[in-house]
Amino acid sequence: LKGVIDLLYRHDSSLLAPWMHHILCHPDWDVRITGVRACAAFSDPERTVLLNMALDHEEHDLFSAEILSLLYVR
């Protein structure tokens, strides 16, 4: 799943967009972090909404820190 996310992120993020909510809620934190990194392909408003949504329900500290770094670096 991580490979598919990475492939779509690099080549056509519009195909990834409909699945981002599911990816960011995936039970495996490694899949979620891949999804968070893939959010960089989206426009600023869409990226911000997705990352804030992920941050609102995330309990894993490292994952939350990654989201915050992506939110405030841009």
N, C-alpha and C. Protein backbone atom coordinates (compact mmCIF):
# COMPACT_ATOMS: atom_id res chain seq x y z
N LEU A 1 0.83 -1.20 0.00
CA LEU A 1 0.00 0.00 0.00
C LEU A 1 0.87 1.26 0.00
N LYS A 2 1.95 1.23 0.76
CA LYS A 2 2.84 2.38 0.79
C LYS A 2 3.44 2.65 -0.59
N GLY A 3 3.77 1.60 -1.31
CA GLY A 3 4.32 1.75 -2.65
C GLY A 3 3.33 2.38 -3.61
N VAL A 4 2.08 2.00 -3.51
CA VAL A 4 1.03 2.57 -4.36
C VAL A 4 0.84 4.05 -4.03
N ILE A 5 0.82 4.37 -2.75
CA ILE A 5 0.69 5.77 -2.34
C ILE A 5 1.84 6.59 -2.91
N ASP A 6 3.05 6.07 -2.77
CA ASP A 6 4.24 6.77 -3.26
C ASP A 6 4.18 6.94 -4.78
N LEU A 7 3.78 5.90 -5.48
CA LEU A 7 3.69 5.96 -6.94
C LEU A 7 2.68 7.02 -7.39
N LEU A 8 1.49 6.99 -6.79
CA LEU A 8 0.47 7.96 -7.17
C LEU A 8 0.87 9.38 -6.78
N TYR A 9 1.51 9.52 -5.64
CA TYR A 9 1.97 10.83 -5.18
C TYR A 9 2.94 11.44 -6.19
N ARG A 10 3.82 10.62 -6.71
CA ARG A 10 4.84 11.13 -7.63
C ARG A 10 4.32 11.35 -9.05
N HIS A 11 3.31 10.58 -9.48
CA HIS A 11 2.92 10.63 -10.88
C HIS A 11 1.57 11.29 -11.15
N ASP A 12 0.58 11.07 -10.29
CA ASP A 12 -0.73 11.68 -10.53
C ASP A 12 -1.50 11.73 -9.22
N SER A 13 -1.26 12.77 -8.45
CA SER A 13 -1.87 12.88 -7.13
C SER A 13 -3.39 13.00 -7.19
N SER A 14 -3.93 13.38 -8.35
CA SER A 14 -5.39 13.47 -8.45
C SER A 14 -6.06 12.11 -8.27
N LEU A 15 -5.35 11.04 -8.60
CA LEU A 15 -5.88 9.69 -8.39
C LEU A 15 -5.83 9.30 -6.91
N LEU A 16 -4.96 9.92 -6.17
CA LEU A 16 -4.80 9.64 -4.75
C LEU A 16 -5.80 10.40 -3.90
N ALA A 17 -6.21 11.57 -4.37
CA ALA A 17 -7.06 12.47 -3.59
C ALA A 17 -8.33 11.82 -3.01
N PRO A 18 -9.08 11.03 -3.79
CA PRO A 18 -10.31 10.45 -3.22
C PRO A 18 -10.06 9.47 -2.08
N TRP A 19 -8.85 9.00 -1.94
CA TRP A 19 -8.53 7.97 -0.93
C TRP A 19 -7.79 8.52 0.28
N MET A 20 -7.47 9.80 0.28
CA MET A 20 -6.63 10.34 1.35
C MET A 20 -7.25 10.19 2.73
N HIS A 21 -8.54 10.39 2.85
CA HIS A 21 -9.17 10.23 4.17
C HIS A 21 -8.94 8.82 4.70
N HIS A 22 -9.13 7.83 3.86
CA HIS A 22 -8.93 6.43 4.26
C HIS A 22 -7.47 6.15 4.60
N ILE A 23 -6.58 6.71 3.82
CA ILE A 23 -5.14 6.51 4.05
C ILE A 23 -4.74 7.13 5.38
N LEU A 24 -5.22 8.34 5.65
CA LEU A 24 -4.84 9.03 6.88
C LEU A 24 -5.49 8.43 8.12
N CYS A 25 -6.46 7.56 7.93
CA CYS A 25 -7.11 6.86 9.05
C CYS A 25 -6.72 5.39 9.12
N HIS A 26 -5.78 4.98 8.30
CA HIS A 26 -5.37 3.58 8.23
C HIS A 26 -4.82 3.12 9.59
N PRO A 27 -5.09 1.87 9.99
CA PRO A 27 -4.61 1.39 11.29
C PRO A 27 -3.08 1.30 11.42
N ASP A 28 -2.39 1.15 10.31
CA ASP A 28 -0.92 1.04 10.34
C ASP A 28 -0.33 2.45 10.28
N TRP A 29 0.42 2.83 11.30
CA TRP A 29 0.96 4.19 11.36
C TRP A 29 1.94 4.46 10.22
N ASP A 30 2.60 3.44 9.72
CA ASP A 30 3.55 3.62 8.63
C ASP A 30 2.83 4.00 7.33
N VAL A 31 1.65 3.45 7.12
CA VAL A 31 0.83 3.83 5.97
C VAL A 31 0.35 5.27 6.15
N ARG A 32 -0.08 5.61 7.37
CA ARG A 32 -0.55 6.98 7.63
C ARG A 32 0.56 8.00 7.38
N ILE A 33 1.78 7.71 7.82
CA ILE A 33 2.87 8.67 7.64
C ILE A 33 3.21 8.82 6.16
N THR A 34 3.11 7.74 5.40
CA THR A 34 3.31 7.83 3.95
C THR A 34 2.24 8.73 3.34
N GLY A 35 1.02 8.60 3.81
CA GLY A 35 -0.07 9.45 3.34
C GLY A 35 0.15 10.91 3.68
N VAL A 36 0.63 11.16 4.88
CA VAL A 36 0.91 12.53 5.29
C VAL A 36 1.97 13.15 4.38
N ARG A 37 3.01 12.40 4.11
CA ARG A 37 4.07 12.91 3.23
C ARG A 37 3.55 13.13 1.82
N ALA A 38 2.60 12.31 1.39
CA ALA A 38 2.02 12.47 0.06
C ALA A 38 1.14 13.72 -0.04
N CYS A 39 0.70 14.22 1.09
CA CYS A 39 -0.12 15.44 1.08
C CYS A 39 0.62 16.63 0.49
N ALA A 40 1.93 16.55 0.42
CA ALA A 40 2.73 17.63 -0.16
C ALA A 40 2.36 17.88 -1.62
N ALA A 41 1.77 16.89 -2.28
CA ALA A 41 1.41 17.02 -3.69
C ALA A 41 0.15 17.85 -3.90
N PHE A 42 -0.58 18.12 -2.84
CA PHE A 42 -1.84 18.83 -2.97
C PHE A 42 -1.66 20.33 -2.80
N SER A 43 -2.63 21.08 -3.29
CA SER A 43 -2.57 22.54 -3.14
C SER A 43 -2.64 22.90 -1.66
N ASP A 44 -2.19 24.10 -1.34
CA ASP A 44 -2.09 24.51 0.06
C ASP A 44 -3.40 24.37 0.83
N PRO A 45 -4.53 24.87 0.33
CA PRO A 45 -5.75 24.73 1.14
C PRO A 45 -6.15 23.27 1.37
N GLU A 46 -6.05 22.47 0.33
CA GLU A 46 -6.43 21.06 0.45
C GLU A 46 -5.46 20.32 1.38
N ARG A 47 -4.18 20.59 1.25
CA ARG A 47 -3.16 19.97 2.10
C ARG A 47 -3.40 20.32 3.56
N THR A 48 -3.68 21.59 3.82
CA THR A 48 -3.89 22.04 5.19
C THR A 48 -5.10 21.35 5.81
N VAL A 49 -6.17 21.23 5.06
CA VAL A 49 -7.38 20.56 5.56
C VAL A 49 -7.08 19.10 5.88
N LEU A 50 -6.42 18.41 4.96
CA LEU A 50 -6.09 17.00 5.17
C LEU A 50 -5.18 16.79 6.38
N LEU A 51 -4.16 17.62 6.50
CA LEU A 51 -3.22 17.46 7.61
C LEU A 51 -3.85 17.80 8.95
N ASN A 52 -4.69 18.83 8.98
CA ASN A 52 -5.40 19.15 10.22
C ASN A 52 -6.37 18.06 10.62
N MET A 53 -7.04 17.46 9.62
CA MET A 53 -7.94 16.35 9.89
C MET A 53 -7.17 15.18 10.51
N ALA A 54 -6.01 14.87 9.93
CA ALA A 54 -5.19 13.78 10.45
C ALA A 54 -4.70 14.09 11.85
N LEU A 55 -4.31 15.32 12.10
CA LEU A 55 -3.80 15.72 13.40
C LEU A 55 -4.87 15.64 14.48
N ASP A 56 -6.11 15.96 14.12
CA ASP A 56 -7.21 15.95 15.09
C ASP A 56 -7.46 14.59 15.72
N HIS A 57 -7.22 13.52 14.99
CA HIS A 57 -7.52 12.20 15.55
C HIS A 57 -6.28 11.33 15.77
N GLU A 58 -5.11 11.90 15.63
CA GLU A 58 -3.88 11.12 15.78
C GLU A 58 -3.43 11.04 17.24
N GLU A 59 -3.05 9.84 17.67
CA GLU A 59 -2.58 9.62 19.03
C GLU A 59 -1.09 9.30 19.09
N HIS A 60 -0.48 9.00 17.97
CA HIS A 60 0.93 8.63 17.91
C HIS A 60 1.76 9.91 17.87
N ASP A 61 2.64 10.11 18.88
CA ASP A 61 3.40 11.35 19.02
C ASP A 61 4.31 11.65 17.84
N LEU A 62 5.01 10.65 17.33
CA LEU A 62 5.91 10.87 16.21
C LEU A 62 5.14 11.28 14.96
N PHE A 63 4.01 10.65 14.78
CA PHE A 63 3.16 10.97 13.64
C PHE A 63 2.64 12.40 13.74
N SER A 64 2.19 12.78 14.93
CA SER A 64 1.71 14.14 15.15
C SER A 64 2.81 15.16 14.88
N ALA A 65 4.02 14.87 15.31
CA ALA A 65 5.15 15.77 15.07
C ALA A 65 5.42 15.92 13.58
N GLU A 66 5.32 14.85 12.83
CA GLU A 66 5.52 14.90 11.38
C GLU A 66 4.45 15.78 10.72
N ILE A 67 3.22 15.63 11.15
CA ILE A 67 2.13 16.45 10.61
C ILE A 67 2.39 17.92 10.90
N LEU A 68 2.75 18.23 12.14
CA LEU A 68 3.01 19.62 12.52
C LEU A 68 4.16 20.21 11.72
N SER A 69 5.18 19.42 11.48
CA SER A 69 6.32 19.93 10.70
C SER A 69 5.90 20.24 9.27
N LEU A 70 5.03 19.44 8.70
CA LEU A 70 4.56 19.70 7.34
C LEU A 70 3.58 20.88 7.29
N LEU A 71 2.81 21.06 8.34
CA LEU A 71 1.86 22.16 8.38
C LEU A 71 2.57 23.51 8.47
N TYR A 72 3.64 23.58 9.23
CA TYR A 72 4.24 24.88 9.51
C TYR A 72 5.52 25.17 8.76
N VAL A 73 5.96 24.22 7.94
CA VAL A 73 7.15 24.47 7.11
C VAL A 73 6.77 25.27 5.88
N ARG A 74 5.61 25.06 5.36
CA ARG A 74 5.20 25.65 4.08
C ARG A 74 4.75 27.06 4.25
